Amino acid sequence: MTNHQDAYSKEMKILHGSILAAIFIFSMFMPYFMFGIVPTLTTESADTPVTASVNVPLPEGFSYEWASAEEEAIAETDFKWCRFCHSLGEGEQHRTGPNLYQVLGARIADKPVFPYSAVLEEKKDRNEIWTYEALDAYIRDPKGSIPGTRMRYPSQAVIENMLDDTARARVIKYMLINTR
């Protein structure tokens, strides 16, 4: 091997190493680029509210029962994108977004050990609660209903689905049924 070939190999190693480092760094921050936050791992319980939930009115005709197995299956499909960021079960850890166990009637940004955005923390300080209407507006248009929030949707298809009143109502119903 000549010195020219050795220098070329060294340059290629540096180039390949730089490319791999860039890919690694990009993949580490992908949740931030897609959703606005980096998940925080914790071993603390995610479902202990700081304040008790209050009873809030539900839309007329709301039922905690599915009209059919088909309706439930559609709702589960609608909710699948939410599961990437949110857990529903009592005691489950937060994901990129907070655990949603018994969120209806709870004070906004009240789940412990989750790094909420400043705007949601302000709502918490004003003792605002998650009503059905507030959840509906937030899920419909997170940044429009609460400017400054970090909640985002992963694709245009999900955004379009959440603009549909029926699909959004199914998502909320699914969340409420599965967090009672």
N, C-alpha and C. Protein backbone atom coordinates (compact mmCIF):
# COMPACT_ATOMS: atom_id res chain seq x y z
N MET A 1 0.83 -1.18 0.00
CA MET A 1 0.00 0.00 0.00
C MET A 1 0.87 1.24 0.00
N THR A 2 0.44 2.21 -0.76
CA THR A 2 1.19 3.47 -0.80
C THR A 2 0.66 4.41 0.24
N ASN A 3 1.41 5.47 0.47
CA ASN A 3 0.97 6.49 1.43
C ASN A 3 -0.33 7.13 0.98
N HIS A 4 -0.52 7.25 -0.35
CA HIS A 4 -1.75 7.85 -0.87
C HIS A 4 -2.96 6.99 -0.49
N GLN A 5 -2.82 5.67 -0.61
CA GLN A 5 -3.92 4.77 -0.26
C GLN A 5 -4.18 4.79 1.25
N ASP A 6 -3.12 4.88 2.07
CA ASP A 6 -3.30 4.96 3.52
C ASP A 6 -4.04 6.23 3.91
N ALA A 7 -3.69 7.35 3.29
CA ALA A 7 -4.35 8.62 3.60
C ALA A 7 -5.82 8.55 3.18
N TYR A 8 -6.10 7.92 2.04
CA TYR A 8 -7.48 7.79 1.58
C TYR A 8 -8.29 6.95 2.55
N SER A 9 -7.75 5.89 3.02
CA SER A 9 -8.44 5.02 3.97
C SER A 9 -8.72 5.77 5.27
N LYS A 10 -7.75 6.54 5.74
CA LYS A 10 -7.93 7.30 6.97
C LYS A 10 -9.04 8.34 6.78
N GLU A 11 -9.05 9.02 5.63
CA GLU A 11 -10.09 10.01 5.35
C GLU A 11 -11.46 9.35 5.29
N MET A 12 -11.53 8.18 4.68
CA MET A 12 -12.82 7.47 4.59
C MET A 12 -13.30 7.02 5.97
N LYS A 13 -12.37 6.58 6.81
CA LYS A 13 -12.74 6.19 8.16
C LYS A 13 -13.31 7.38 8.93
N ILE A 14 -12.68 8.51 8.78
CA ILE A 14 -13.17 9.72 9.46
C ILE A 14 -14.54 10.09 8.91
N LEU A 15 -14.72 10.03 7.60
CA LEU A 15 -16.00 10.36 6.98
C LEU A 15 -17.10 9.40 7.44
N HIS A 16 -16.81 8.10 7.40
CA HIS A 16 -17.80 7.11 7.83
C HIS A 16 -18.13 7.26 9.32
N GLY A 17 -17.12 7.50 10.13
CA GLY A 17 -17.35 7.71 11.55
C GLY A 17 -18.22 8.94 11.81
N SER A 18 -17.97 10.00 11.05
CA SER A 18 -18.76 11.23 11.19
C SER A 18 -20.21 10.99 10.79
N ILE A 19 -20.41 10.25 9.71
CA ILE A 19 -21.77 9.94 9.25
C ILE A 19 -22.50 9.11 10.30
N LEU A 20 -21.85 8.10 10.84
CA LEU A 20 -22.46 7.27 11.88
C LEU A 20 -22.78 8.08 13.13
N ALA A 21 -21.89 8.97 13.52
CA ALA A 21 -22.14 9.82 14.69
C ALA A 21 -23.34 10.73 14.44
N ALA A 22 -23.44 11.29 13.23
CA ALA A 22 -24.57 12.17 12.90
C ALA A 22 -25.88 11.39 12.94
N ILE A 23 -25.88 10.17 12.39
CA ILE A 23 -27.08 9.34 12.42
C ILE A 23 -27.46 9.01 13.86
N PHE A 24 -26.50 8.67 14.69
CA PHE A 24 -26.78 8.36 16.09
C PHE A 24 -27.36 9.57 16.82
N ILE A 25 -26.76 10.72 16.64
CA ILE A 25 -27.25 11.93 17.30
C ILE A 25 -28.65 12.27 16.81
N PHE A 26 -28.88 12.17 15.51
CA PHE A 26 -30.20 12.45 14.96
C PHE A 26 -31.25 11.50 15.54
N SER A 27 -30.90 10.22 15.64
CA SER A 27 -31.87 9.25 16.17
C SER A 27 -32.15 9.48 17.65
N MET A 28 -31.19 9.97 18.40
CA MET A 28 -31.40 10.26 19.82
C MET A 28 -32.40 11.40 20.00
N PHE A 29 -32.39 12.36 19.08
CA PHE A 29 -33.26 13.52 19.22
C PHE A 29 -34.51 13.45 18.35
N MET A 30 -34.76 12.31 17.70
CA MET A 30 -35.95 12.17 16.86
C MET A 30 -37.24 12.42 17.64
N PRO A 31 -37.40 11.89 18.88
CA PRO A 31 -38.63 12.21 19.62
C PRO A 31 -38.82 13.71 19.82
N TYR A 32 -37.72 14.43 20.01
CA TYR A 32 -37.83 15.88 20.17
C TYR A 32 -38.30 16.52 18.88
N PHE A 33 -37.72 16.12 17.76
CA PHE A 33 -38.09 16.71 16.47
C PHE A 33 -39.54 16.38 16.11
N MET A 34 -39.99 15.16 16.41
CA MET A 34 -41.34 14.75 16.05
C MET A 34 -42.39 15.26 17.03
N PHE A 35 -42.09 15.19 18.33
CA PHE A 35 -43.11 15.45 19.34
C PHE A 35 -42.80 16.64 20.25
N GLY A 36 -41.62 17.19 20.14
CA GLY A 36 -41.30 18.37 20.92
C GLY A 36 -40.68 18.13 22.27
N ILE A 37 -40.59 16.87 22.70
CA ILE A 37 -39.96 16.59 23.99
C ILE A 37 -39.18 15.29 23.91
N VAL A 38 -38.27 15.15 24.83
CA VAL A 38 -37.50 13.92 24.96
C VAL A 38 -38.06 13.18 26.16
N PRO A 39 -38.41 11.90 26.00
CA PRO A 39 -39.00 11.17 27.12
C PRO A 39 -38.09 11.13 28.34
N THR A 40 -38.70 11.21 29.50
CA THR A 40 -37.97 11.11 30.75
C THR A 40 -38.35 9.80 31.41
N LEU A 41 -37.39 8.97 31.67
CA LEU A 41 -37.67 7.71 32.34
C LEU A 41 -37.71 7.94 33.84
N THR A 42 -38.67 7.32 34.48
CA THR A 42 -38.81 7.46 35.92
C THR A 42 -39.35 6.16 36.48
N THR A 43 -39.05 5.93 37.72
CA THR A 43 -39.61 4.75 38.37
C THR A 43 -40.74 5.14 39.32
N GLU A 44 -41.02 6.45 39.40
CA GLU A 44 -42.10 6.91 40.27
C GLU A 44 -43.45 6.64 39.63
N SER A 45 -44.47 6.52 40.45
CA SER A 45 -45.81 6.26 39.96
C SER A 45 -46.32 7.44 39.15
N ALA A 46 -46.99 7.13 38.06
CA ALA A 46 -47.48 8.17 37.16
C ALA A 46 -48.94 8.51 37.40
N ASP A 47 -49.61 7.83 38.30
CA ASP A 47 -51.05 8.02 38.40
C ASP A 47 -51.52 8.66 39.69
N THR A 48 -50.64 9.09 40.55
CA THR A 48 -51.07 9.68 41.80
C THR A 48 -51.34 11.17 41.58
N PRO A 49 -52.61 11.58 41.57
CA PRO A 49 -52.90 12.98 41.33
C PRO A 49 -52.54 13.84 42.54
N VAL A 50 -52.15 15.08 42.26
CA VAL A 50 -51.85 16.02 43.32
C VAL A 50 -53.16 16.47 43.96
N THR A 51 -54.18 16.65 43.16
CA THR A 51 -55.49 17.01 43.69
C THR A 51 -56.50 15.98 43.18
N ALA A 52 -57.58 15.84 43.88
CA ALA A 52 -58.61 14.88 43.48
C ALA A 52 -59.32 15.36 42.24
N SER A 53 -59.78 14.41 41.43
CA SER A 53 -60.58 14.75 40.26
C SER A 53 -61.96 15.21 40.71
N VAL A 54 -62.56 16.06 39.90
CA VAL A 54 -63.92 16.52 40.18
C VAL A 54 -64.85 15.92 39.12
N ASN A 55 -66.11 15.81 39.46
CA ASN A 55 -67.09 15.33 38.48
C ASN A 55 -67.35 16.43 37.46
N VAL A 56 -67.25 16.07 36.20
CA VAL A 56 -67.52 17.03 35.13
C VAL A 56 -68.63 16.46 34.25
N PRO A 57 -69.45 17.34 33.69
CA PRO A 57 -70.54 16.84 32.84
C PRO A 57 -70.00 16.23 31.55
N LEU A 58 -70.70 15.20 31.10
CA LEU A 58 -70.38 14.55 29.83
C LEU A 58 -71.44 14.95 28.81
N PRO A 59 -71.14 14.84 27.53
CA PRO A 59 -72.13 15.19 26.52
C PRO A 59 -73.41 14.38 26.68
N GLU A 60 -74.51 14.99 26.30
CA GLU A 60 -75.79 14.28 26.38
C GLU A 60 -75.72 13.00 25.56
N GLY A 61 -76.18 11.91 26.14
CA GLY A 61 -76.18 10.63 25.45
C GLY A 61 -74.89 9.85 25.58
N PHE A 62 -73.89 10.42 26.28
CA PHE A 62 -72.63 9.70 26.44
C PHE A 62 -72.87 8.43 27.26
N SER A 63 -72.23 7.35 26.84
CA SER A 63 -72.35 6.09 27.56
C SER A 63 -70.96 5.47 27.69
N TYR A 64 -70.73 4.84 28.83
CA TYR A 64 -69.48 4.12 29.03
C TYR A 64 -69.53 2.72 28.43
N GLU A 65 -70.52 2.47 27.62
CA GLU A 65 -70.66 1.19 26.93
C GLU A 65 -70.56 1.43 25.42
N TRP A 66 -69.96 0.48 24.72
CA TRP A 66 -69.88 0.56 23.26
C TRP A 66 -71.20 0.09 22.66
N ALA A 67 -71.63 0.75 21.59
CA ALA A 67 -72.86 0.35 20.90
C ALA A 67 -72.69 -1.01 20.24
N SER A 68 -71.44 -1.32 19.81
CA SER A 68 -71.17 -2.59 19.15
C SER A 68 -69.68 -2.91 19.27
N ALA A 69 -69.35 -4.14 19.00
CA ALA A 69 -67.94 -4.55 18.98
C ALA A 69 -67.20 -3.83 17.86
N GLU A 70 -67.91 -3.55 16.77
CA GLU A 70 -67.30 -2.84 15.65
C GLU A 70 -66.91 -1.42 16.06
N GLU A 71 -67.80 -0.74 16.78
CA GLU A 71 -67.50 0.61 17.25
C GLU A 71 -66.26 0.61 18.15
N GLU A 72 -66.18 -0.38 19.02
CA GLU A 72 -65.03 -0.49 19.91
C GLU A 72 -63.75 -0.73 19.12
N ALA A 73 -63.81 -1.59 18.10
CA ALA A 73 -62.63 -1.88 17.28
C ALA A 73 -62.18 -0.64 16.52
N ILE A 74 -63.13 0.13 16.01
CA ILE A 74 -62.78 1.37 15.30
C ILE A 74 -62.13 2.35 16.26
N ALA A 75 -62.68 2.46 17.47
CA ALA A 75 -62.12 3.37 18.47
C ALA A 75 -60.70 2.96 18.84
N GLU A 76 -60.49 1.67 18.99
CA GLU A 76 -59.14 1.19 19.32
C GLU A 76 -58.16 1.53 18.20
N THR A 77 -58.61 1.41 16.96
CA THR A 77 -57.77 1.79 15.82
C THR A 77 -57.50 3.29 15.83
N ASP A 78 -58.54 4.09 16.10
CA ASP A 78 -58.37 5.54 16.17
C ASP A 78 -57.36 5.93 17.26
N PHE A 79 -57.40 5.20 18.38
CA PHE A 79 -56.55 5.54 19.51
C PHE A 79 -55.11 5.04 19.37
N LYS A 80 -54.84 4.19 18.39
CA LYS A 80 -53.51 3.57 18.32
C LYS A 80 -52.38 4.59 18.22
N TRP A 81 -52.60 5.70 17.55
CA TRP A 81 -51.55 6.71 17.44
C TRP A 81 -51.31 7.38 18.77
N CYS A 82 -52.33 7.50 19.58
CA CYS A 82 -52.19 8.12 20.91
C CYS A 82 -51.29 7.27 21.81
N ARG A 83 -51.35 5.95 21.62
CA ARG A 83 -50.58 5.02 22.45
C ARG A 83 -49.07 5.18 22.28
N PHE A 84 -48.64 5.77 21.17
CA PHE A 84 -47.21 5.99 20.99
C PHE A 84 -46.68 6.94 22.07
N CYS A 85 -47.51 7.86 22.49
CA CYS A 85 -47.06 8.88 23.44
C CYS A 85 -47.70 8.78 24.82
N HIS A 86 -48.86 8.14 24.92
CA HIS A 86 -49.60 8.12 26.18
C HIS A 86 -49.92 6.70 26.64
N SER A 87 -49.78 6.48 27.93
CA SER A 87 -50.26 5.24 28.53
C SER A 87 -51.60 5.53 29.19
N LEU A 88 -52.39 4.49 29.41
CA LEU A 88 -53.73 4.67 29.98
C LEU A 88 -53.90 4.00 31.35
N GLY A 89 -53.15 2.98 31.60
CA GLY A 89 -53.38 2.16 32.79
C GLY A 89 -52.93 2.81 34.08
N GLU A 90 -53.64 2.46 35.14
CA GLU A 90 -53.28 2.94 36.47
C GLU A 90 -51.87 2.49 36.81
N GLY A 91 -51.02 3.44 37.19
CA GLY A 91 -49.66 3.13 37.59
C GLY A 91 -48.67 2.96 36.46
N GLU A 92 -49.13 3.03 35.21
CA GLU A 92 -48.19 2.89 34.09
C GLU A 92 -47.32 4.14 33.99
N GLN A 93 -46.10 3.95 33.51
CA GLN A 93 -45.17 5.07 33.37
C GLN A 93 -45.61 6.00 32.25
N HIS A 94 -45.18 7.25 32.39
CA HIS A 94 -45.38 8.22 31.32
C HIS A 94 -44.57 7.77 30.11
N ARG A 95 -44.99 8.19 28.96
CA ARG A 95 -44.21 7.99 27.73
C ARG A 95 -43.76 9.37 27.29
N THR A 96 -43.74 9.63 26.01
CA THR A 96 -43.39 10.96 25.54
C THR A 96 -44.41 11.97 26.06
N GLY A 97 -45.65 11.53 26.21
CA GLY A 97 -46.71 12.34 26.82
C GLY A 97 -47.08 11.72 28.15
N PRO A 98 -47.87 12.44 28.96
CA PRO A 98 -48.22 11.92 30.28
C PRO A 98 -49.19 10.75 30.24
N ASN A 99 -49.21 9.98 31.31
CA ASN A 99 -50.20 8.93 31.50
C ASN A 99 -51.57 9.61 31.60
N LEU A 100 -52.57 9.03 30.97
CA LEU A 100 -53.90 9.65 30.91
C LEU A 100 -54.92 9.01 31.85
N TYR A 101 -54.45 8.21 32.79
CA TYR A 101 -55.37 7.54 33.71
C TYR A 101 -56.18 8.57 34.47
N GLN A 102 -57.50 8.47 34.37
CA GLN A 102 -58.46 9.34 35.05
C GLN A 102 -58.17 10.82 34.84
N VAL A 103 -57.88 11.20 33.61
CA VAL A 103 -57.57 12.60 33.32
C VAL A 103 -58.82 13.48 33.33
N LEU A 104 -59.97 12.94 32.95
CA LEU A 104 -61.19 13.74 32.93
C LEU A 104 -61.53 14.20 34.34
N GLY A 105 -61.67 15.50 34.52
CA GLY A 105 -61.96 16.07 35.82
C GLY A 105 -60.73 16.37 36.66
N ALA A 106 -59.56 15.97 36.18
CA ALA A 106 -58.31 16.23 36.90
C ALA A 106 -57.79 17.62 36.54
N ARG A 107 -57.01 18.17 37.42
CA ARG A 107 -56.39 19.46 37.14
C ARG A 107 -55.40 19.29 35.99
N ILE A 108 -55.36 20.23 35.09
CA ILE A 108 -54.44 20.19 33.95
C ILE A 108 -53.00 20.17 34.46
N ALA A 109 -52.18 19.34 33.84
CA ALA A 109 -50.74 19.21 34.15
C ALA A 109 -50.51 18.74 35.58
N ASP A 110 -51.37 17.87 36.08
CA ASP A 110 -51.31 17.46 37.47
C ASP A 110 -50.70 16.07 37.69
N LYS A 111 -50.26 15.43 36.64
CA LYS A 111 -49.62 14.11 36.81
C LYS A 111 -48.19 14.34 37.30
N PRO A 112 -47.83 13.71 38.42
CA PRO A 112 -46.49 13.93 38.96
C PRO A 112 -45.40 13.36 38.05
N VAL A 113 -44.23 13.89 38.22
CA VAL A 113 -42.99 13.48 37.56
C VAL A 113 -43.08 13.52 36.04
N PHE A 114 -43.89 14.42 35.48
CA PHE A 114 -43.90 14.60 34.03
C PHE A 114 -43.51 16.04 33.73
N PRO A 115 -42.58 16.25 32.78
CA PRO A 115 -42.13 17.61 32.47
C PRO A 115 -43.09 18.33 31.50
N TYR A 116 -44.11 18.95 32.03
CA TYR A 116 -45.10 19.66 31.21
C TYR A 116 -44.51 20.94 30.65
N SER A 117 -45.12 21.43 29.57
CA SER A 117 -44.72 22.71 29.00
C SER A 117 -45.13 23.83 29.96
N ALA A 118 -44.50 24.97 29.82
CA ALA A 118 -44.78 26.12 30.70
C ALA A 118 -46.24 26.53 30.63
N VAL A 119 -46.82 26.49 29.44
CA VAL A 119 -48.21 26.92 29.28
C VAL A 119 -49.16 25.99 30.03
N LEU A 120 -48.90 24.70 30.04
CA LEU A 120 -49.73 23.78 30.80
C LEU A 120 -49.50 23.95 32.30
N GLU A 121 -48.29 24.23 32.71
CA GLU A 121 -48.01 24.50 34.12
C GLU A 121 -48.77 25.74 34.59
N GLU A 122 -48.88 26.75 33.71
CA GLU A 122 -49.66 27.95 34.05
C GLU A 122 -51.13 27.60 34.27
N LYS A 123 -51.67 26.72 33.43
CA LYS A 123 -53.06 26.28 33.60
C LYS A 123 -53.23 25.53 34.92
N LYS A 124 -52.23 24.74 35.27
CA LYS A 124 -52.26 24.03 36.55
C LYS A 124 -52.30 25.04 37.70
N ASP A 125 -51.46 26.07 37.61
CA ASP A 125 -51.41 27.08 38.66
C ASP A 125 -52.74 27.82 38.81
N ARG A 126 -53.50 27.89 37.72
CA ARG A 126 -54.83 28.54 37.77
C ARG A 126 -55.93 27.53 38.12
N ASN A 127 -55.52 26.30 38.46
CA ASN A 127 -56.46 25.24 38.85
C ASN A 127 -57.47 24.90 37.77
N GLU A 128 -57.08 25.00 36.50
CA GLU A 128 -57.96 24.61 35.41
C GLU A 128 -58.02 23.09 35.35
N ILE A 129 -59.17 22.57 34.96
CA ILE A 129 -59.34 21.12 34.91
C ILE A 129 -59.65 20.66 33.49
N TRP A 130 -59.43 19.36 33.28
CA TRP A 130 -59.75 18.75 31.99
C TRP A 130 -61.24 18.40 31.98
N THR A 131 -62.02 19.23 31.33
CA THR A 131 -63.42 18.92 31.09
C THR A 131 -63.50 18.15 29.78
N TYR A 132 -64.66 17.58 29.48
CA TYR A 132 -64.84 16.89 28.20
C TYR A 132 -64.58 17.88 27.06
N GLU A 133 -65.13 19.09 27.19
CA GLU A 133 -64.96 20.10 26.14
C GLU A 133 -63.50 20.51 25.97
N ALA A 134 -62.77 20.64 27.09
CA ALA A 134 -61.36 21.00 27.00
C ALA A 134 -60.55 19.90 26.33
N LEU A 135 -60.84 18.63 26.69
CA LEU A 135 -60.16 17.51 26.03
C LEU A 135 -60.47 17.48 24.54
N ASP A 136 -61.73 17.69 24.21
CA ASP A 136 -62.15 17.67 22.81
C ASP A 136 -61.41 18.75 22.02
N ALA A 137 -61.37 19.96 22.54
CA ALA A 137 -60.69 21.06 21.84
C ALA A 137 -59.19 20.79 21.73
N TYR A 138 -58.60 20.27 22.80
CA TYR A 138 -57.16 20.00 22.80
C TYR A 138 -56.80 18.90 21.81
N ILE A 139 -57.58 17.85 21.78
CA ILE A 139 -57.30 16.75 20.86
C ILE A 139 -57.54 17.20 19.41
N ARG A 140 -58.53 18.04 19.21
CA ARG A 140 -58.84 18.54 17.86
C ARG A 140 -57.67 19.37 17.32
N ASP A 141 -57.16 20.27 18.14
CA ASP A 141 -56.11 21.19 17.70
C ASP A 141 -55.26 21.59 18.90
N PRO A 142 -54.28 20.76 19.27
CA PRO A 142 -53.50 21.04 20.47
C PRO A 142 -52.89 22.45 20.50
N LYS A 143 -52.23 22.82 19.44
CA LYS A 143 -51.55 24.12 19.42
C LYS A 143 -52.52 25.29 19.25
N GLY A 144 -53.69 25.03 18.68
CA GLY A 144 -54.70 26.07 18.55
C GLY A 144 -55.45 26.31 19.85
N SER A 145 -55.72 25.25 20.60
CA SER A 145 -56.47 25.41 21.84
C SER A 145 -55.58 25.83 23.01
N ILE A 146 -54.33 25.40 22.99
CA ILE A 146 -53.37 25.79 24.04
C ILE A 146 -52.05 26.14 23.36
N PRO A 147 -51.94 27.38 22.85
CA PRO A 147 -50.70 27.77 22.18
C PRO A 147 -49.50 27.63 23.12
N GLY A 148 -48.45 27.02 22.61
CA GLY A 148 -47.25 26.80 23.41
C GLY A 148 -47.11 25.38 23.92
N THR A 149 -48.15 24.56 23.70
CA THR A 149 -48.05 23.16 24.13
C THR A 149 -47.06 22.43 23.23
N ARG A 150 -46.54 21.32 23.74
CA ARG A 150 -45.60 20.53 22.94
C ARG A 150 -46.26 19.36 22.24
N MET A 151 -47.55 19.13 22.49
CA MET A 151 -48.22 17.98 21.87
C MET A 151 -48.30 18.18 20.36
N ARG A 152 -47.92 17.12 19.65
CA ARG A 152 -47.94 17.13 18.19
C ARG A 152 -48.50 15.81 17.70
N TYR A 153 -48.94 15.80 16.46
CA TYR A 153 -49.38 14.56 15.83
C TYR A 153 -48.31 14.11 14.85
N PRO A 154 -48.11 12.79 14.71
CA PRO A 154 -47.02 12.28 13.89
C PRO A 154 -47.24 12.37 12.39
N SER A 155 -48.48 12.59 11.95
CA SER A 155 -48.70 12.63 10.50
C SER A 155 -49.95 13.44 10.16
N GLN A 156 -50.03 13.83 8.92
CA GLN A 156 -51.20 14.57 8.44
C GLN A 156 -52.46 13.71 8.53
N ALA A 157 -52.33 12.41 8.33
CA ALA A 157 -53.49 11.52 8.41
C ALA A 157 -54.09 11.53 9.82
N VAL A 158 -53.24 11.55 10.83
CA VAL A 158 -53.73 11.60 12.21
C VAL A 158 -54.41 12.94 12.47
N ILE A 159 -53.81 14.02 11.98
CA ILE A 159 -54.42 15.34 12.13
C ILE A 159 -55.81 15.35 11.51
N GLU A 160 -55.91 14.85 10.29
CA GLU A 160 -57.21 14.84 9.60
C GLU A 160 -58.22 13.98 10.35
N ASN A 161 -57.78 12.86 10.91
CA ASN A 161 -58.68 12.00 11.68
C ASN A 161 -59.17 12.72 12.94
N MET A 162 -58.29 13.47 13.60
CA MET A 162 -58.69 14.17 14.82
C MET A 162 -59.55 15.40 14.54
N LEU A 163 -59.60 15.85 13.29
CA LEU A 163 -60.50 16.93 12.92
C LEU A 163 -61.93 16.43 12.74
N ASP A 164 -62.07 15.11 12.56
CA ASP A 164 -63.38 14.50 12.40
C ASP A 164 -64.04 14.36 13.78
N ASP A 165 -65.19 15.00 13.97
CA ASP A 165 -65.86 15.01 15.27
C ASP A 165 -66.18 13.60 15.77
N THR A 166 -66.63 12.72 14.89
CA THR A 166 -66.99 11.36 15.29
C THR A 166 -65.76 10.57 15.73
N ALA A 167 -64.68 10.66 14.98
CA ALA A 167 -63.45 9.94 15.34
C ALA A 167 -62.89 10.47 16.65
N ARG A 168 -62.92 11.78 16.82
CA ARG A 168 -62.40 12.37 18.05
C ARG A 168 -63.24 11.95 19.26
N ALA A 169 -64.56 11.91 19.09
CA ALA A 169 -65.45 11.46 20.17
C ALA A 169 -65.15 10.00 20.54
N ARG A 170 -64.87 9.17 19.52
CA ARG A 170 -64.51 7.77 19.79
C ARG A 170 -63.20 7.67 20.58
N VAL A 171 -62.23 8.52 20.22
CA VAL A 171 -60.94 8.51 20.92
C VAL A 171 -61.14 8.90 22.38
N ILE A 172 -61.92 9.93 22.63
CA ILE A 172 -62.17 10.35 24.00
C ILE A 172 -62.92 9.27 24.76
N LYS A 173 -63.93 8.68 24.13
CA LYS A 173 -64.69 7.62 24.78
C LYS A 173 -63.78 6.43 25.10
N TYR A 174 -62.94 6.05 24.15
CA TYR A 174 -61.99 4.95 24.38
C TYR A 174 -61.10 5.26 25.58
N MET A 175 -60.59 6.49 25.62
CA MET A 175 -59.72 6.89 26.72
C MET A 175 -60.49 6.84 28.05
N LEU A 176 -61.70 7.35 28.07
CA LEU A 176 -62.48 7.38 29.31
C LEU A 176 -62.86 5.98 29.78
N ILE A 177 -63.28 5.13 28.87
CA ILE A 177 -63.65 3.76 29.23
C ILE A 177 -62.44 3.01 29.79
N ASN A 178 -61.29 3.23 29.20
CA ASN A 178 -60.10 2.48 29.59
C ASN A 178 -59.31 3.10 30.73
N THR A 179 -59.83 4.19 31.31
CA THR A 179 -59.13 4.82 32.44
C THR A 179 -60.05 4.99 33.64
N ARG A 180 -61.15 4.26 33.68
CA ARG A 180 -62.10 4.38 34.81
C ARG A 180 -61.58 3.69 36.02
